[in-house]
Amino acid sequence: MNNLISVLETEFSRNANSQIALKQQAYMRDQFLTYGIKTEVRRSIQKPFLVKTYLPKKEELETIVKTLWAKPEREFQYFAQELSFKYLKQTEQKDIALFEFMITNKSWWDTVDFIAVKLLGNYFKIFPELQKEYVDKWLNSEHIWLQRSALLFQLKYKTDLDSSLMAYTINNLLGSKEFFINKAIGWVLREYSRTNPNWVLEFVAATPLSNLSKKEALRLML
C-alpha cells in the first residue's frame, strides 16, 4: 500500500503544473490544493495503478482511501474514488461507512457527485432494502452533501428509479436555501424526465419547487 501511494505521489509531482494549479484551486474556491494536472493527464498517470491484476486486496481499500483522503492535493481524492469504483463487484454492506466518510470529509461537488452516482448508485442496487434507512438518516443529518447524495444516487437508475422515494426526498428538502440542494433536485428530475416525462411534469406542477429546481427539472421539455 505504501509503495503504491509513494509511486503515485512521485508521478503526480512529476506532472505538476503550477499555473494550472492556481486556476484549478480558484475554480474550487481555494478549498483544496492541486498539482495542476488536467483530468485526461491524471487518468493516464493513474491507469497502470488501476489494472485489475495489480489492484490491492479489497480489505486494504478502506485504509488506502483514508490515507489518500488525508493528503492535501485533490488529485489523491480523485484517485481514491476511482480506485473504489474498481471494487463494485465486491461491494459489501459495510462499505456504506466508507462512502459516508468520503462524502463528509473534504466535501465538494467534484467528489460527492462521483460517489453518489457511481458508488452509492451501485451500492443501493445491491442493497435496495437499505435505501429508505439511509435517505432518512441523511435527510435528518443537516449535512448538505449527504442530503445531495440522497437525491443523486438514483440519478442513472432510469426505469429502476423509485419515484416515490425521490418525491419523498425532494419534499423533505423543499425550502432549502442551499444552491447545491436545489440544483440537485432539478438535476435528478431532469434526468428522470428522459425516462418518464409525464411524471416529472405532474410532479413539478404539484410541488412548490425553488425557481432553480424548476428550471433545471424542465430544461429538456421546454
Foldseek 3Di string as FASTA:
>chain_A
DVVLVVVLVVVLLVPADVVLQVVVCVVVVVLAGASNDDPVRLCVSCVVQQPPVNDDDPVCLLVQQVVLLPDRHCSSNVSSLVSVLSCLVVDDPVCVVSLVVSCPGSHDCVNLLCSLQRVVLSVCVVVVVCLVVQLVVLLVPPPVSSLLSNQRNCQPVQVNDDVVSNLVSVVSCAPDPDPSNLQSLLNSLLSNCVRVVVVSVVSLVVDPGDPNSSCSNCVVPD
